[in-house]
């Protein structure tokens, strides 16, 4: 029987990277968003202290040691010292942007922080009260390294752990030798379970852009006396990208839509637990096209209402965008009209019904553009063709049919 122990695994703090992708940001949220990467990282160390873990594993990309500046270094030193005061060790494996040889030579790391070489696999035995509880194998990032075959533990090792940054061919990873692979280098959390091993990327502690939606955090790992590992995700993000897709009917009234959005927004706020949700509202209507629903004033008015109702505090929702999906069907009578709109829609309809008609934008590029790489932007592949045609129809409708009365629909 071994010793039970606990540890925290985190990576990819990217303290020097700001949250981006927001066009309009209110003053009352600027400081919160600017500090979010630091506050999210601070929660990692708060968890370690609250849980009284034995050690913390950091698997790279904490901040760019070339450009990160003094704030990031000072922050990390302060957090390391907090752990050191409670006797908690830190094992730091460097990543792509934080090779340890770039750490300022005039600033000593606290005694409780151990780093790993980028060229030679190092083995550190972690002890508690003089008893071996885990063997930690660490190797810093090397862009030329594609194999993890060096991670071979001794037969008598107590719970071998590998700490490494990057991607490796699974064939080279000795899963029967390492019980827990503490990986770094992915922003999205991920796990790969093997019969006697677990490969885990905790992801970044704070999402930075719209594509990094959902929850982010670190892993709290518990190992019992029988060597069984349990992994718990601890959310650390302060700000969360949380796109909302809402199904409605084309015939919805403005008051009905606000009621629908109010119910969804209220539910999101309740689930945020004090965080700020950055929400892109994406409406997917069903039914025959209603031009009023997509009028610019309508969208702008609805977005402003959402911000007034849910976005004026330091928690809750800040609505970044409000978009309505292009319609699948337009009124058939519009295609038959002897008007500019009718001619426009019939022209698009020919492309929609005949896939052999290629869409090429080369003729609209300036004559000065002759670089083959640049002219590639004029090509439209089949995968995007349908959506582009729908959006093109919508642009024409925006100018030619925006003032028409809503289509009368029979309730379904």
Protein backbone atom coordinates (compact mmCIF):
# COMPACT_ATOMS: atom_id res chain seq x y z
CA UNK A 1 0.00 0.00 0.00
CA UNK A 2 1.24 3.48 -0.83
CA UNK A 3 0.59 6.88 0.66
CA UNK A 4 -2.50 8.90 -0.25
CA UNK A 5 -1.70 12.34 -1.62
CA UNK A 6 -3.10 15.26 -3.61
CA UNK A 7 -1.71 17.61 -6.24
CA UNK A 8 -2.83 20.35 -8.61
CA UNK A 9 -2.01 20.27 -12.31
CA UNK A 10 -2.22 23.51 -14.33
CA UNK A 11 -0.69 24.97 -17.48
CA UNK A 12 -0.91 27.66 -20.14
CA UNK A 13 -1.54 30.67 -17.89
CA UNK A 14 -0.38 33.02 -20.67
CA UNK A 15 -0.36 35.89 -18.20
CA UNK A 16 0.87 38.29 -20.88
CA UNK A 17 -2.01 37.63 -23.27
CA UNK A 18 -5.03 39.93 -23.06
CA UNK A 19 -8.63 38.95 -23.72
CA UNK A 20 -9.49 39.90 -27.27
CA UNK A 21 -12.34 39.76 -29.77
CA UNK A 22 -14.59 42.40 -28.17
CA UNK A 23 -15.39 45.43 -30.32
CA UNK A 24 -17.29 47.45 -27.71
CA UNK A 25 -16.25 47.19 -24.08
CA UNK A 26 -17.81 49.29 -21.29
CA UNK A 27 -15.55 51.13 -18.87
CA UNK A 28 -16.76 49.18 -15.84
CA UNK A 29 -15.44 45.92 -17.31
CA UNK A 30 -12.07 47.05 -18.64
CA UNK A 31 -10.13 46.51 -15.42
CA UNK A 32 -11.79 43.15 -14.79
CA UNK A 33 -10.92 41.86 -18.25
CA UNK A 34 -7.38 43.24 -18.07
CA UNK A 35 -6.78 41.40 -14.79
CA UNK A 36 -8.66 38.22 -15.70
CA UNK A 37 -5.58 36.13 -16.71
CA UNK A 38 -3.95 36.94 -13.35
CA UNK A 39 -7.07 36.32 -11.28
CA UNK A 40 -7.66 32.99 -13.03
CA UNK A 41 -4.07 31.90 -12.33
CA UNK A 42 -4.36 33.07 -8.73
CA UNK A 43 -7.28 30.68 -8.24
CA UNK A 44 -4.99 27.76 -9.12
CA UNK A 45 -2.77 28.60 -6.15
CA UNK A 46 -5.81 29.31 -3.98
CA UNK A 47 -7.05 25.77 -4.69
CA UNK A 48 -3.65 24.31 -3.83
CA UNK A 49 -3.65 26.10 -0.48
CA UNK A 50 -7.29 25.39 0.34
CA UNK A 51 -6.88 21.68 -0.45
CA UNK A 52 -3.48 21.48 1.29
CA UNK A 53 -2.04 19.59 -1.64
CA UNK A 54 1.39 17.99 -1.53
CA UNK A 55 2.65 19.68 -4.70
CA UNK A 56 1.69 21.64 -7.82
CA UNK A 57 2.59 20.62 -11.38
CA UNK A 58 2.93 23.41 -13.95
CA UNK A 59 3.37 22.17 -17.51
CA UNK A 60 4.44 25.21 -19.46
CA UNK A 61 3.49 28.51 -21.10
CA UNK A 62 2.94 30.43 -17.88
CA UNK A 63 3.97 33.64 -19.60
CA UNK A 64 6.30 34.74 -22.37
CA UNK A 65 9.65 35.23 -20.68
CA UNK A 66 10.86 37.39 -23.59
CA UNK A 67 8.03 39.92 -23.63
CA UNK A 68 5.94 39.27 -20.52
CA UNK A 69 7.33 42.11 -18.43
CA UNK A 70 7.91 42.45 -14.69
CA UNK A 71 4.26 42.12 -13.60
CA UNK A 72 4.01 38.48 -14.66
CA UNK A 73 7.32 37.51 -13.06
CA UNK A 74 6.46 39.32 -9.84
CA UNK A 75 3.03 37.68 -9.75
CA UNK A 76 4.47 34.18 -10.12
CA UNK A 77 7.12 34.78 -7.47
CA UNK A 78 4.44 35.95 -5.07
CA UNK A 79 2.31 32.86 -5.69
CA UNK A 80 5.28 30.51 -5.36
CA UNK A 81 6.14 32.12 -2.04
CA UNK A 82 2.55 31.66 -0.81
CA UNK A 83 2.89 27.94 -1.46
CA UNK A 84 6.38 27.81 0.04
CA UNK A 85 5.11 29.22 3.33
CA UNK A 86 2.83 26.17 3.60
CA UNK A 87 5.48 23.68 2.53
CA UNK A 88 3.95 23.03 -0.92
CA UNK A 89 6.44 22.15 -3.66
CA UNK A 90 6.14 23.39 -7.26
CA UNK A 91 7.42 21.40 -10.24
CA UNK A 92 7.61 23.63 -13.32
CA UNK A 93 8.16 22.16 -16.76
CA UNK A 94 8.82 24.92 -19.30
CA UNK A 95 6.81 25.25 -22.49
CA UNK A 96 7.26 26.99 -25.82
CA UNK A 97 7.21 30.57 -24.50
CA UNK A 98 8.71 30.11 -21.03
CA UNK A 99 12.00 28.18 -21.38
CA UNK A 100 13.57 28.38 -17.96
CA UNK A 101 16.92 29.58 -19.31
CA UNK A 102 15.19 32.89 -20.11
CA UNK A 103 14.19 33.46 -16.51
CA UNK A 104 15.97 36.64 -15.27
CA UNK A 105 19.32 35.53 -13.85
CA UNK A 106 19.21 38.23 -11.16
CA UNK A 107 15.94 36.89 -9.73
CA UNK A 108 16.17 33.64 -7.78
CA UNK A 109 13.22 31.29 -7.74
CA UNK A 110 12.02 30.30 -4.25
CA UNK A 111 13.48 27.12 -2.77
CA UNK A 112 10.18 25.24 -3.16
CA UNK A 113 10.25 25.59 -6.98
CA UNK A 114 11.94 22.90 -9.07
CA UNK A 115 12.42 23.28 -12.82
CA UNK A 116 13.33 20.72 -15.48
CA UNK A 117 15.98 20.63 -18.19
CA UNK A 118 14.93 20.88 -21.84
CA UNK A 119 17.57 18.39 -22.96
CA UNK A 120 17.77 15.68 -20.31
CA UNK A 121 14.93 13.83 -18.58
CA UNK A 122 15.08 14.50 -14.87
CA UNK A 123 13.64 12.37 -12.08
CA UNK A 124 12.64 13.90 -8.75
CA UNK A 125 11.25 11.88 -5.86
CA UNK A 126 8.69 13.81 -3.86
CA UNK A 127 8.74 12.98 -0.16
CA UNK A 128 6.38 13.77 2.69
CA UNK A 129 7.67 13.38 6.22
CA UNK A 130 10.57 11.36 4.84
CA UNK A 131 8.33 8.93 2.93
CA UNK A 132 8.42 8.62 -0.87
CA UNK A 133 4.97 9.31 -2.31
CA UNK A 134 5.60 10.05 -6.01
CA UNK A 135 8.32 10.02 -8.64
CA UNK A 136 8.11 12.99 -10.99
CA UNK A 137 9.77 12.80 -14.40
CA UNK A 138 10.07 16.15 -16.17
CA UNK A 139 11.38 17.36 -19.50
CA UNK A 140 11.15 20.92 -20.81
CA UNK A 141 9.91 21.77 -24.29
CA UNK A 142 12.08 21.14 -27.34
CA UNK A 143 10.61 21.90 -30.77
CA UNK A 144 12.60 19.04 -32.33
CA UNK A 145 11.43 16.40 -29.87
CA UNK A 146 8.63 14.22 -31.25
CA UNK A 147 9.01 11.19 -28.99
CA UNK A 148 8.27 10.58 -25.32
CA UNK A 149 10.11 7.26 -25.25
CA UNK A 150 12.59 8.56 -22.63
CA UNK A 151 9.89 8.46 -19.93
CA UNK A 152 10.78 5.09 -18.46
CA UNK A 153 10.29 4.68 -14.74
CA UNK A 154 12.04 2.23 -12.45
CA UNK A 155 10.14 -0.90 -11.39
CA UNK A 156 10.06 0.15 -7.75
CA UNK A 157 8.90 3.75 -8.36
CA UNK A 158 6.03 5.05 -6.26
CA UNK A 159 3.31 6.48 -8.50
CA UNK A 160 5.38 7.73 -11.49
CA UNK A 161 4.24 11.04 -13.00
CA UNK A 162 5.44 12.58 -16.26
CA UNK A 163 5.43 16.37 -16.68
CA UNK A 164 5.93 17.51 -20.26
CA UNK A 165 4.74 20.10 -22.78
CA UNK A 166 3.71 19.44 -26.38
CA UNK A 167 2.32 16.73 -28.64
CA UNK A 168 3.85 13.29 -29.09
CA UNK A 169 3.19 10.23 -31.18
CA UNK A 170 1.16 7.99 -28.82
CA UNK A 171 3.21 5.01 -30.02
CA UNK A 172 6.26 6.56 -28.30
CA UNK A 173 4.55 7.11 -24.96
CA UNK A 174 5.24 4.30 -22.45
CA UNK A 175 1.79 4.25 -20.86
CA UNK A 176 2.69 1.23 -18.75
CA UNK A 177 5.55 3.22 -17.18
CA UNK A 178 3.84 6.52 -16.27
CA UNK A 179 0.60 6.61 -14.29
CA UNK A 180 -0.24 10.26 -14.90
CA UNK A 181 0.94 12.38 -17.83
CA UNK A 182 0.77 16.06 -16.84
CA UNK A 183 0.69 17.65 -20.29
CA UNK A 184 0.78 21.27 -21.42
CA UNK A 185 0.40 23.13 -24.70
CA UNK A 186 -3.33 22.81 -25.41
CA UNK A 187 -5.73 25.61 -24.52
CA UNK A 188 -8.74 23.31 -24.53
CA UNK A 189 -8.81 20.79 -21.66
CA UNK A 190 -8.54 17.17 -22.75
CA UNK A 191 -8.03 13.69 -21.31
CA UNK A 192 -7.00 10.36 -22.79
CA UNK A 193 -7.59 7.34 -20.59
CA UNK A 194 -5.44 4.23 -20.93
CA UNK A 195 -5.71 0.96 -18.96
CA UNK A 196 -3.07 1.97 -16.40
CA UNK A 197 -2.40 5.58 -17.31
CA UNK A 198 -4.11 8.94 -17.79
CA UNK A 199 -2.91 11.62 -20.21
CA UNK A 200 -4.29 15.03 -19.23
CA UNK A 201 -4.13 18.57 -20.60
CA UNK A 202 -5.81 20.96 -18.13
CA UNK A 203 -5.94 23.69 -20.79
CA UNK A 204 -5.54 27.38 -20.18
CA UNK A 205 -6.90 28.85 -16.97
CA UNK A 206 -8.71 31.69 -18.76
CA UNK A 207 -10.26 31.69 -22.25
CA UNK A 208 -8.97 34.63 -24.29
CA UNK A 209 -11.10 34.76 -27.45
CA UNK A 210 -14.52 33.75 -28.82
CA UNK A 211 -13.22 30.39 -30.05
CA UNK A 212 -12.17 29.54 -26.49
CA UNK A 213 -15.73 29.30 -25.23
CA UNK A 214 -16.93 27.42 -22.18
CA UNK A 215 -15.27 26.74 -18.82
CA UNK A 216 -11.51 26.73 -18.17
CA UNK A 217 -9.49 25.81 -15.12
CA UNK A 218 -7.09 23.27 -13.65
CA UNK A 219 -7.11 19.70 -12.37
CA UNK A 220 -7.17 18.66 -8.73
CA UNK A 221 -5.79 15.12 -8.54
CA UNK A 222 -6.27 12.71 -5.65
CA UNK A 223 -4.41 9.42 -5.31
CA UNK A 224 -5.59 6.94 -2.68
CA UNK A 225 -3.49 4.38 -0.78
CA UNK A 226 -4.19 1.80 -3.47
CA UNK A 227 -2.80 4.07 -6.19
CA UNK A 228 -6.20 4.88 -7.69
CA UNK A 229 -6.30 8.34 -9.27
CA UNK A 230 -9.36 10.60 -9.25
CA UNK A 231 -9.36 13.75 -11.34
CA UNK A 232 -11.51 16.79 -10.56
CA UNK A 233 -11.84 19.83 -12.80
CA UNK A 234 -11.73 23.12 -10.90
CA UNK A 235 -13.02 26.14 -12.82
CA UNK A 236 -10.78 29.19 -12.50
CA UNK A 237 -11.90 31.50 -15.31
CA UNK A 238 -13.14 34.96 -14.35
CA UNK A 239 -14.63 35.78 -17.75
CA UNK A 240 -16.29 33.16 -19.91
CA UNK A 241 -17.13 33.21 -23.60
CA UNK A 242 -20.58 31.66 -23.77
CA UNK A 243 -22.32 31.89 -27.18
CA UNK A 244 -26.08 31.42 -27.06
CA UNK A 245 -28.04 29.88 -29.90
CA UNK A 246 -31.75 30.64 -29.63
CA UNK A 247 -34.46 29.10 -31.82
CA UNK A 248 -37.37 31.44 -32.64
CA UNK A 249 -40.10 31.82 -35.26
CA UNK A 250 -39.85 34.40 -38.03
CA UNK A 251 -43.20 35.82 -36.91
CA UNK A 252 -42.02 36.55 -33.36
CA UNK A 253 -42.87 40.03 -32.08
CA UNK A 254 -40.29 42.26 -30.41
CA UNK A 255 -41.93 41.85 -27.01
CA UNK A 256 -42.08 38.06 -27.41
CA UNK A 257 -38.42 37.96 -28.42
CA UNK A 258 -37.38 40.00 -25.40
CA UNK A 259 -39.26 37.60 -23.14
CA UNK A 260 -37.42 34.64 -24.70
CA UNK A 261 -34.04 36.36 -24.39
CA UNK A 262 -34.80 37.46 -20.83
CA UNK A 263 -35.49 33.88 -19.76
CA UNK A 264 -32.30 32.60 -21.37
CA UNK A 265 -30.15 35.44 -20.01
CA UNK A 266 -31.52 34.99 -16.49
CA UNK A 267 -30.60 31.32 -16.62
CA UNK A 268 -27.08 32.11 -17.85
CA UNK A 269 -26.51 34.66 -15.06
CA UNK A 270 -27.60 32.11 -12.45
CA UNK A 271 -25.07 29.60 -13.79
CA UNK A 272 -22.14 32.02 -13.90
CA UNK A 273 -21.49 32.04 -10.14
CA UNK A 274 -20.26 35.64 -10.16
CA UNK A 275 -18.36 35.40 -13.45
CA UNK A 276 -18.88 37.60 -16.47
CA UNK A 277 -20.32 35.82 -19.49
CA UNK A 278 -19.36 37.26 -22.87
CA UNK A 279 -22.31 36.32 -25.04
CA UNK A 280 -22.77 36.32 -28.79
CA UNK A 281 -26.50 35.90 -29.34
CA UNK A 282 -27.21 33.85 -32.46
CA UNK A 283 -30.87 33.54 -33.45
CA UNK A 284 -32.04 30.70 -35.69
CA UNK A 285 -35.55 31.47 -36.97
CA UNK A 286 -37.96 28.99 -38.52
CA UNK A 287 -40.74 29.86 -40.94
CA UNK A 288 -41.07 32.15 -43.95
CA UNK A 289 -38.77 35.16 -44.08
CA UNK A 290 -39.74 38.30 -42.16
CA UNK A 291 -37.70 41.37 -43.22
CA UNK A 292 -38.55 43.34 -40.08
CA UNK A 293 -36.75 40.82 -37.90
CA UNK A 294 -33.45 41.53 -39.63
CA UNK A 295 -33.63 45.26 -39.91
CA UNK A 296 -30.44 46.93 -38.65
CA UNK A 297 -32.35 49.09 -36.18
CA UNK A 298 -34.06 46.00 -34.76
CA UNK A 299 -30.77 44.21 -34.06
CA UNK A 300 -29.10 47.33 -32.66
CA UNK A 301 -32.08 48.05 -30.44
CA UNK A 302 -32.20 44.48 -29.12
CA UNK A 303 -28.45 44.43 -28.42
CA UNK A 304 -28.69 47.70 -26.49
CA UNK A 305 -31.62 46.34 -24.48
CA UNK A 306 -29.63 43.22 -23.57
CA UNK A 307 -26.72 45.34 -22.41
CA UNK A 308 -28.92 47.61 -20.33
CA UNK A 309 -30.74 44.71 -18.70
CA UNK A 310 -27.84 42.37 -17.99
CA UNK A 311 -24.53 44.09 -18.69
CA UNK A 312 -24.20 47.11 -16.45
CA UNK A 313 -22.74 45.32 -13.42
CA UNK A 314 -19.39 43.71 -12.68
CA UNK A 315 -20.92 40.25 -13.03
CA UNK A 316 -23.58 38.78 -15.27
CA UNK A 317 -23.66 39.12 -19.06
CA UNK A 318 -22.00 41.43 -21.53
CA UNK A 319 -23.58 40.92 -24.94
CA UNK A 320 -20.88 41.23 -27.62
CA UNK A 321 -22.93 40.57 -30.75
CA UNK A 322 -26.48 39.95 -31.86
CA UNK A 323 -26.97 38.13 -35.16
CA UNK A 324 -29.87 36.46 -36.89
CA UNK A 325 -29.22 33.54 -39.19
CA UNK A 326 -29.86 33.97 -42.88
CA UNK A 327 -33.25 32.54 -43.89
CA UNK A 328 -33.58 29.14 -45.50
CA UNK A 329 -36.68 30.17 -47.46
CA UNK A 330 -37.86 33.49 -48.85
CA UNK A 331 -41.43 34.26 -49.94
CA UNK A 332 -41.89 32.60 -53.34
CA UNK A 333 -43.81 35.65 -54.62
CA UNK A 334 -40.67 37.78 -54.30
CA UNK A 335 -38.91 35.68 -56.96
CA UNK A 336 -41.78 36.34 -59.40
CA UNK A 337 -41.88 40.11 -59.01
CA UNK A 338 -41.06 42.35 -61.96
CA UNK A 339 -38.81 44.45 -59.74
CA UNK A 340 -35.09 44.88 -59.08
CA UNK A 341 -35.53 42.65 -56.02
CA UNK A 342 -37.16 39.95 -58.14
CA UNK A 343 -34.36 40.06 -60.73
CA UNK A 344 -31.75 39.98 -57.98
CA UNK A 345 -33.28 36.94 -56.27
CA UNK A 346 -33.77 35.09 -59.55
CA UNK A 347 -30.09 35.56 -60.37
CA UNK A 348 -29.06 34.15 -57.00
CA UNK A 349 -31.64 31.36 -57.38
CA UNK A 350 -29.93 30.18 -60.55
CA UNK A 351 -26.69 29.67 -58.61
CA UNK A 352 -28.53 27.99 -55.75
CA UNK A 353 -30.24 25.49 -58.05
CA UNK A 354 -27.23 24.77 -60.29
CA UNK A 355 -24.04 23.78 -58.48
CA UNK A 356 -22.14 23.66 -61.76
CA UNK A 357 -22.20 27.46 -61.83
CA UNK A 358 -18.95 28.41 -60.14
CA UNK A 359 -18.65 31.47 -57.96
CA UNK A 360 -15.47 33.40 -58.70
CA UNK A 361 -14.61 36.85 -57.40
CA UNK A 362 -11.38 37.27 -59.35
CA UNK A 363 -12.83 39.85 -61.71
CA UNK A 364 -13.58 42.13 -58.77
CA UNK A 365 -9.99 42.17 -57.51
CA UNK A 366 -7.86 45.20 -58.44
CA UNK A 367 -5.77 44.83 -61.57
CA UNK A 368 -2.65 45.38 -59.50
CA UNK A 369 -3.26 42.14 -57.63
CA UNK A 370 -1.32 39.49 -59.55
CA UNK A 371 0.16 37.44 -56.75
CA UNK A 372 -1.18 33.89 -56.93
CA UNK A 373 -1.52 33.66 -53.17
CA UNK A 374 -3.61 36.83 -53.02
CA UNK A 375 -5.85 35.83 -55.90
CA UNK A 376 -6.79 32.76 -53.89
CA UNK A 377 -9.11 34.92 -51.83
CA UNK A 378 -11.40 35.13 -54.86
CA UNK A 379 -12.15 31.41 -54.88
CA UNK A 380 -15.24 30.02 -53.15
CA UNK A 381 -15.31 26.32 -52.27
CA UNK A 382 -18.46 24.21 -52.39
CA UNK A 383 -18.56 23.85 -48.63
CA UNK A 384 -19.22 27.57 -48.13
CA UNK A 385 -21.18 28.13 -51.31
CA UNK A 386 -24.69 27.66 -49.92
CA UNK A 387 -24.16 29.94 -46.92
CA UNK A 388 -22.52 32.63 -49.07
CA UNK A 389 -25.47 32.65 -51.45
CA UNK A 390 -27.92 32.91 -48.55
CA UNK A 391 -25.98 35.81 -47.09
CA UNK A 392 -25.75 37.47 -50.50
CA UNK A 393 -29.52 37.27 -50.88
CA UNK A 394 -29.89 38.81 -47.43
CA UNK A 395 -27.65 41.76 -48.34
CA UNK A 396 -29.88 42.56 -51.34
CA UNK A 397 -33.02 42.21 -49.23
CA UNK A 398 -31.52 44.53 -46.64
CA UNK A 399 -31.43 47.29 -49.25
CA UNK A 400 -34.39 46.38 -51.45
CA UNK A 401 -36.97 44.95 -49.04
CA UNK A 402 -36.15 46.28 -45.60
CA UNK A 403 -39.23 48.53 -45.50
CA UNK A 404 -41.72 45.88 -46.55
CA UNK A 405 -44.41 44.76 -44.19
CA UNK A 406 -43.83 41.54 -42.24
CA UNK A 407 -45.04 38.44 -44.00
CA UNK A 408 -48.38 37.22 -42.64
CA UNK A 409 -47.91 33.66 -41.46
CA UNK A 410 -50.31 31.00 -40.37
CA UNK A 411 -49.48 29.79 -36.85
CA UNK A 412 -48.01 26.30 -36.84
